[in-house]
């Protein structure tokens, strides 16, 4: 509940106390659910409509977890923007906008409605689909990799300042990794710098409603925040997993594969949402690309970072070199952008 009794929507024959909301659109979706927009929709049993959806996440009067899917994307976007500014907003979609009432939560949430029982799963048969549960991020895998990429995009300046450009090979050596940064895996299973109070902890339009009370995340639910928050690691910083390793091998094979697959997107466009572009400082854009087993985060005027499923906890910087600028520019032209 957004701190007031009025912030409710009708769902499953009971009031829903709104805790948070997220956008599910081609340009902005919870990446923990998939590498692209159709995959994220499929995780919720939804058709990938061009206009997307809004996800309203909360509890009913008995404390049961529910996710209400609405087609009024603008309303949910306004609510998220208001919460980002610390403002109250009565997120109450019209019943005609409700597409489905799904039992459970697709994302981990660290807040709970005051005055109702602790969050628990409802009877799956009471909703419009199977019980939703957050992806398992207890061990490194695709979901954790994508969360790590989310966090790098959010904390770009912090990660970038850890990288010494002198560590990159000369331009004649082509783009490859410089220093290796290690993702703090203690934070990828739900921890964050401010997950219980941040308006948008994931950067995917998933904002907590003001006034919702936080519970002990170690005993209850956790935030959907990604890998290595501001207290996480970058090159040369100790982490829960050990010291960051220096000097990634020149011409890292995994990086070469990612760049080749990203370049192939220019000839054969990937599923919608695999390449996304968002605002950055100056005239630059923040570029996000994903593929089978990899994520790439870059700024169009700077370097890139690569995360791989088969390199647990590691972040591989990619120097500008002679090829990366052109690749990033081309990807940005084809990328989906927020409307």
Protein backbone atom coordinates (compact mmCIF):
# COMPACT_ATOMS: atom_id res chain seq x y z
CA UNK A 1 0.00 0.00 0.00
CA UNK A 2 1.38 3.42 -0.93
CA UNK A 3 0.99 4.66 2.61
CA UNK A 4 -2.73 5.32 2.25
CA UNK A 5 -5.87 3.21 2.34
CA UNK A 6 -6.94 4.72 -0.97
CA UNK A 7 -4.08 3.25 -3.02
CA UNK A 8 -5.77 0.01 -3.97
CA UNK A 9 -7.03 -1.75 -7.05
CA UNK A 10 -9.59 -4.50 -7.36
CA UNK A 11 -8.07 -7.95 -7.93
CA UNK A 12 -9.17 -11.50 -7.23
CA UNK A 13 -12.38 -10.33 -5.50
CA UNK A 14 -10.35 -8.45 -2.89
CA UNK A 15 -8.55 -5.13 -2.56
CA UNK A 16 -4.92 -5.07 -3.63
CA UNK A 17 -2.58 -3.05 -1.45
CA UNK A 18 -0.03 -1.71 -3.93
CA UNK A 19 3.62 -2.17 -3.00
CA UNK A 20 5.42 -1.49 -6.25
CA UNK A 21 4.96 -1.40 -9.98
CA UNK A 22 7.00 -2.08 -13.09
CA UNK A 23 6.77 -1.46 -16.80
CA UNK A 24 6.76 -4.37 -19.21
CA UNK A 25 7.35 -2.76 -22.61
CA UNK A 26 9.81 -3.41 -25.44
CA UNK A 27 12.04 -0.56 -24.25
CA UNK A 28 11.77 -1.08 -20.50
CA UNK A 29 11.11 -4.41 -18.83
CA UNK A 30 12.46 -6.27 -15.79
CA UNK A 31 15.48 -7.83 -17.48
CA UNK A 32 15.71 -10.47 -14.76
CA UNK A 33 12.77 -12.11 -16.56
CA UNK A 34 14.53 -12.58 -19.89
CA UNK A 35 17.02 -11.39 -22.49
CA UNK A 36 14.32 -9.68 -24.55
CA UNK A 37 10.76 -8.40 -24.37
CA UNK A 38 9.01 -11.52 -25.78
CA UNK A 39 10.95 -13.73 -23.35
CA UNK A 40 10.00 -11.51 -20.41
CA UNK A 41 6.34 -11.62 -21.47
CA UNK A 42 6.48 -15.41 -21.85
CA UNK A 43 7.77 -15.70 -18.28
CA UNK A 44 4.42 -14.24 -17.18
CA UNK A 45 2.30 -16.07 -19.73
CA UNK A 46 1.54 -12.86 -21.63
CA UNK A 47 1.45 -12.11 -25.34
CA UNK A 48 4.13 -9.56 -26.35
CA UNK A 49 1.82 -6.71 -27.27
CA UNK A 50 3.47 -3.78 -29.02
CA UNK A 51 2.30 -1.26 -26.42
CA UNK A 52 3.29 -3.45 -23.49
CA UNK A 53 1.83 -3.68 -20.00
CA UNK A 54 2.03 -2.26 -16.53
CA UNK A 55 2.65 -4.63 -13.62
CA UNK A 56 1.04 -3.67 -10.31
CA UNK A 57 2.46 -5.75 -7.48
CA UNK A 58 0.93 -6.00 -4.03
CA UNK A 59 -0.98 -7.99 -1.41
CA UNK A 60 -4.64 -8.68 -0.87
CA UNK A 61 -6.38 -8.33 2.47
CA UNK A 62 -5.17 -11.75 3.60
CA UNK A 63 -1.55 -10.88 2.77
CA UNK A 64 -1.38 -13.03 -0.37
CA UNK A 65 0.94 -11.95 -3.15
CA UNK A 66 -0.66 -10.80 -6.41
CA UNK A 67 0.53 -9.26 -9.67
CA UNK A 68 -2.14 -7.35 -11.56
CA UNK A 69 -1.36 -6.86 -15.25
CA UNK A 70 -2.92 -3.77 -16.83
CA UNK A 71 -2.86 -2.34 -20.33
CA UNK A 72 -2.86 1.26 -19.09
CA UNK A 73 0.90 1.66 -19.44
CA UNK A 74 0.82 5.45 -19.15
CA UNK A 75 -0.89 5.32 -15.76
CA UNK A 76 1.73 2.97 -14.35
CA UNK A 77 4.53 5.07 -15.86
CA UNK A 78 3.17 8.20 -14.17
CA UNK A 79 2.94 6.38 -10.84
CA UNK A 80 6.54 5.19 -11.10
CA UNK A 81 7.76 8.66 -12.03
CA UNK A 82 5.89 10.15 -9.06
CA UNK A 83 7.34 7.60 -6.65
CA UNK A 84 10.80 8.26 -8.07
CA UNK A 85 10.33 11.85 -6.89
CA UNK A 86 9.16 10.70 -3.46
CA UNK A 87 5.58 11.75 -4.12
CA UNK A 88 2.41 9.92 -3.21
CA UNK A 89 0.40 8.59 -6.13
CA UNK A 90 -2.88 6.73 -6.01
CA UNK A 91 -2.26 3.89 -8.44
CA UNK A 92 -5.79 2.64 -9.02
CA UNK A 93 -6.26 1.35 -12.57
CA UNK A 94 -9.76 1.05 -13.89
CA UNK A 95 -11.08 -2.52 -13.78
CA UNK A 96 -11.47 -2.37 -17.57
CA UNK A 97 -7.68 -1.97 -17.86
CA UNK A 98 -6.97 -5.20 -15.97
CA UNK A 99 -5.65 -7.89 -18.30
CA UNK A 100 -4.93 -10.56 -15.70
CA UNK A 101 -4.59 -11.12 -11.96
CA UNK A 102 -1.60 -13.44 -11.55
CA UNK A 103 -0.92 -15.18 -8.23
CA UNK A 104 2.51 -14.53 -6.77
CA UNK A 105 5.23 -12.03 -7.62
CA UNK A 106 7.60 -12.27 -10.61
CA UNK A 107 10.18 -10.10 -8.82
CA UNK A 108 11.60 -10.21 -5.33
CA UNK A 109 10.19 -7.35 -3.24
CA UNK A 110 11.48 -6.21 0.15
CA UNK A 111 8.42 -4.29 1.31
CA UNK A 112 5.07 -5.41 2.67
CA UNK A 113 1.71 -3.79 3.27
CA UNK A 114 1.25 -2.65 6.88
CA UNK A 115 -1.70 -4.02 8.76
CA UNK A 116 -2.07 -7.25 6.78
CA UNK A 117 -0.52 -10.69 7.30
CA UNK A 118 3.00 -11.35 6.05
CA UNK A 119 3.35 -11.97 2.31
CA UNK A 120 2.47 -15.50 1.29
CA UNK A 121 1.50 -17.35 -1.86
CA UNK A 122 -2.21 -17.52 -2.68
CA UNK A 123 -3.95 -20.52 -4.10
CA UNK A 124 -2.64 -20.70 -7.69
CA UNK A 125 -6.07 -21.78 -8.91
CA UNK A 126 -7.51 -18.48 -7.72
CA UNK A 127 -5.66 -16.47 -10.37
CA UNK A 128 -5.36 -16.28 -14.14
CA UNK A 129 -2.22 -18.37 -14.43
CA UNK A 130 0.38 -20.46 -12.60
CA UNK A 131 2.01 -19.18 -9.43
CA UNK A 132 4.71 -16.60 -10.12
CA UNK A 133 7.99 -16.75 -8.24
CA UNK A 134 11.12 -14.60 -8.67
CA UNK A 135 13.94 -16.17 -10.71
CA UNK A 136 16.54 -18.00 -8.65
CA UNK A 137 19.55 -15.74 -8.16
CA UNK A 138 21.15 -17.73 -5.35
CA UNK A 139 23.76 -18.96 -7.80
CA UNK A 140 25.29 -17.33 -10.86
CA UNK A 141 23.25 -17.76 -14.00
CA UNK A 142 21.37 -15.82 -16.66
CA UNK A 143 19.16 -13.94 -14.21
CA UNK A 144 22.11 -12.88 -12.05
CA UNK A 145 24.11 -11.91 -15.12
CA UNK A 146 21.32 -9.62 -16.30
CA UNK A 147 20.94 -8.12 -12.82
CA UNK A 148 24.67 -7.40 -12.82
CA UNK A 149 24.34 -5.60 -16.14
CA UNK A 150 21.42 -3.60 -14.73
CA UNK A 151 23.57 -2.44 -11.85
CA UNK A 152 26.48 -1.43 -14.08
CA UNK A 153 24.11 0.66 -16.19
CA UNK A 154 22.78 2.34 -13.04
CA UNK A 155 26.22 2.88 -11.50
CA UNK A 156 28.17 3.58 -14.67
CA UNK A 157 30.36 6.34 -13.22
CA UNK A 158 31.38 4.20 -10.25
CA UNK A 159 32.36 1.26 -12.44
CA UNK A 160 34.05 3.41 -15.08
CA UNK A 161 36.31 5.22 -12.66
CA UNK A 162 37.82 1.92 -11.57
CA UNK A 163 39.11 1.17 -15.06
CA UNK A 164 42.52 2.47 -16.11
CA UNK A 165 42.54 3.08 -19.85
CA UNK A 166 46.26 2.32 -19.91
CA UNK A 167 45.41 -1.30 -19.07
CA UNK A 168 43.72 -1.79 -22.45
CA UNK A 169 45.70 -3.14 -25.38
CA UNK A 170 46.80 -0.67 -28.04
CA UNK A 171 44.23 0.05 -30.76
CA UNK A 172 46.16 -2.17 -33.14
CA UNK A 173 45.38 -5.07 -30.84
CA UNK A 174 41.63 -4.61 -31.29
CA UNK A 175 39.03 -4.30 -28.54
CA UNK A 176 39.47 -6.68 -25.65
CA UNK A 177 39.33 -6.74 -21.90
CA UNK A 178 41.53 -4.61 -19.70
CA UNK A 179 41.24 -5.01 -15.93
CA UNK A 180 38.74 -7.61 -14.74
CA UNK A 181 36.14 -6.49 -12.28
CA UNK A 182 34.43 -8.96 -10.00
CA UNK A 183 30.72 -8.73 -9.28
CA UNK A 184 30.01 -9.02 -5.56
CA UNK A 185 27.89 -12.17 -5.51
CA UNK A 186 26.79 -11.45 -1.95
CA UNK A 187 24.60 -8.68 -3.37
CA UNK A 188 23.22 -10.47 -6.41
CA UNK A 189 20.86 -12.64 -4.40
CA UNK A 190 18.75 -9.65 -3.46
CA UNK A 191 20.96 -7.19 -1.60
CA UNK A 192 21.46 -3.60 -2.68
CA UNK A 193 22.68 -0.28 -1.42
CA UNK A 194 19.18 1.03 -0.84
CA UNK A 195 16.84 -1.65 -2.11
CA UNK A 196 14.24 -1.20 0.60
CA UNK A 197 13.86 2.52 0.06
CA UNK A 198 14.97 3.27 -3.49
CA UNK A 199 12.26 4.45 -5.82
CA UNK A 200 13.67 2.48 -8.75
CA UNK A 201 16.11 -0.14 -7.46
CA UNK A 202 16.46 -2.07 -10.70
CA UNK A 203 16.40 0.67 -13.27
CA UNK A 204 13.66 -1.24 -15.07
CA UNK A 205 10.76 0.91 -13.97
CA UNK A 206 10.20 -1.08 -10.80
CA UNK A 207 9.49 1.51 -8.12
CA UNK A 208 8.42 1.03 -4.54
CA UNK A 209 5.37 2.97 -3.50
CA UNK A 210 6.09 5.53 -0.76
CA UNK A 211 4.90 4.48 2.66
CA UNK A 212 5.20 0.72 2.17
CA UNK A 213 6.90 -0.80 5.19
CA UNK A 214 10.11 -2.79 4.84
CA UNK A 215 10.46 -6.23 6.39
CA UNK A 216 13.60 -8.13 7.29
CA UNK A 217 14.79 -9.21 3.85
CA UNK A 218 16.81 -12.09 5.30
CA UNK A 219 13.66 -13.61 6.73
CA UNK A 220 11.05 -12.55 4.23
CA UNK A 221 11.34 -11.21 0.70
CA UNK A 222 14.23 -9.38 -0.95
CA UNK A 223 14.58 -6.62 -3.46
CA UNK A 224 14.88 -7.12 -7.16
CA UNK A 225 18.09 -5.06 -7.20
CA UNK A 226 20.89 -6.49 -9.25
CA UNK A 227 24.50 -7.44 -8.84
CA UNK A 228 27.11 -5.31 -7.14
CA UNK A 229 25.41 -2.22 -5.79
CA UNK A 230 27.37 0.85 -4.80
CA UNK A 231 29.03 -1.30 -2.18
CA UNK A 232 29.93 -3.87 -4.82
CA UNK A 233 33.22 -4.25 -6.55
CA UNK A 234 35.14 -3.09 -9.53
CA UNK A 235 38.69 -3.69 -10.65
CA UNK A 236 41.10 -3.75 -7.75
CA UNK A 237 38.41 -3.73 -5.04
CA UNK A 238 38.02 -6.67 -2.64
CA UNK A 239 34.68 -8.45 -2.69
CA UNK A 240 32.99 -11.27 -0.86
CA UNK A 241 34.23 -13.52 -3.64
CA UNK A 242 37.88 -12.45 -3.23
CA UNK A 243 40.20 -9.86 -4.80
CA UNK A 244 39.47 -8.55 -8.25
CA UNK A 245 41.79 -10.07 -10.81
CA UNK A 246 43.93 -7.81 -12.98
CA UNK A 247 44.95 -8.10 -16.58
CA UNK A 248 42.31 -10.05 -18.49
CA UNK A 249 43.94 -12.04 -21.28
CA UNK A 250 44.35 -10.06 -24.47
CA UNK A 251 41.69 -10.99 -27.02
CA UNK A 252 39.43 -12.76 -24.51
CA UNK A 253 37.50 -15.42 -26.43
CA UNK A 254 34.24 -14.70 -24.63
CA UNK A 255 34.47 -11.00 -25.45
CA UNK A 256 35.23 -11.79 -29.09
CA UNK A 257 32.15 -14.03 -29.23
CA UNK A 258 29.92 -11.34 -27.70
CA UNK A 259 31.13 -8.67 -30.11
CA UNK A 260 30.64 -11.00 -33.05
CA UNK A 261 27.10 -11.90 -31.98
CA UNK A 262 26.25 -8.25 -31.31
CA UNK A 263 27.59 -7.35 -34.76
CA UNK A 264 25.41 -10.07 -36.27
CA UNK A 265 22.35 -8.25 -34.88
CA UNK A 266 22.98 -5.54 -37.49
CA UNK A 267 22.30 -8.02 -40.30
CA UNK A 268 19.68 -10.17 -38.58
CA UNK A 269 17.67 -8.10 -36.10
CA UNK A 270 17.17 -9.96 -32.78
CA UNK A 271 13.91 -10.28 -30.84
CA UNK A 272 12.45 -6.97 -29.70
CA UNK A 273 14.16 -5.54 -26.62
CA UNK A 274 17.48 -7.36 -26.94
CA UNK A 275 19.09 -4.04 -27.81
CA UNK A 276 17.90 -1.03 -25.83
CA UNK A 277 19.06 2.57 -25.66
CA UNK A 278 18.44 5.04 -22.85
CA UNK A 279 19.53 8.53 -21.88
CA UNK A 280 23.02 9.27 -20.58
CA UNK A 281 24.86 12.46 -19.74
CA UNK A 282 25.97 14.77 -22.49
CA UNK A 283 25.10 13.64 -25.99
CA UNK A 284 25.79 9.99 -25.24
CA UNK A 285 23.39 7.08 -24.84
CA UNK A 286 23.54 4.12 -22.50
CA UNK A 287 23.34 1.00 -24.62
CA UNK A 288 22.24 -2.41 -23.36
CA UNK A 289 22.42 -5.57 -25.46
CA UNK A 290 21.78 -9.15 -24.42
CA UNK A 291 22.15 -12.52 -26.06
CA UNK A 292 22.39 -16.20 -25.22
CA UNK A 293 24.65 -16.30 -22.18
CA UNK A 294 25.86 -12.69 -22.31
CA UNK A 295 25.05 -9.08 -21.53
CA UNK A 296 26.78 -5.94 -22.79
CA UNK A 297 26.50 -2.48 -21.22
CA UNK A 298 28.13 0.50 -22.89
CA UNK A 299 28.03 4.22 -23.41
CA UNK A 300 28.13 5.29 -27.00
CA UNK A 301 30.99 7.71 -26.24
CA UNK A 302 32.99 5.34 -24.06
CA UNK A 303 33.90 1.72 -23.36
CA UNK A 304 31.73 -1.35 -22.80
CA UNK A 305 31.40 -3.99 -20.09
CA UNK A 306 30.60 -7.63 -20.81
CA UNK A 307 29.15 -10.23 -18.44
CA UNK A 308 29.02 -13.94 -19.31
CA UNK A 309 27.05 -16.84 -17.90
CA UNK A 310 30.18 -18.98 -18.03
CA UNK A 311 32.36 -16.45 -16.16
CA UNK A 312 30.60 -16.25 -12.75
CA UNK A 313 30.81 -12.89 -11.06
CA UNK A 314 33.23 -11.33 -13.53
CA UNK A 315 32.85 -8.11 -15.50
CA UNK A 316 35.06 -7.76 -18.57
CA UNK A 317 35.79 -4.21 -19.77
CA UNK A 318 36.10 -3.71 -23.52
CA UNK A 319 38.31 -0.86 -24.74
CA UNK A 320 37.24 1.55 -27.47
CA UNK A 321 39.75 0.33 -30.03
CA UNK A 322 39.11 0.85 -33.77
CA UNK A 323 35.87 -1.19 -34.00
CA UNK A 324 33.82 -0.65 -30.86
CA UNK A 325 32.71 2.96 -31.57
CA UNK A 326 31.19 2.01 -34.93
CA UNK A 327 29.51 -1.07 -33.48
CA UNK A 328 27.95 0.91 -30.63
CA UNK A 329 26.73 3.61 -33.01
CA UNK A 330 25.12 1.03 -35.28
CA UNK A 331 23.50 -0.81 -32.38
CA UNK A 332 22.16 2.44 -30.98
CA UNK A 333 20.46 3.22 -34.30
CA UNK A 334 18.57 -0.07 -34.22
CA UNK A 335 17.88 -0.08 -30.48
CA UNK A 336 14.45 0.26 -28.89
CA UNK A 337 14.11 3.56 -27.04
CA UNK A 338 11.67 4.70 -24.35
CA UNK A 339 8.81 6.68 -25.86
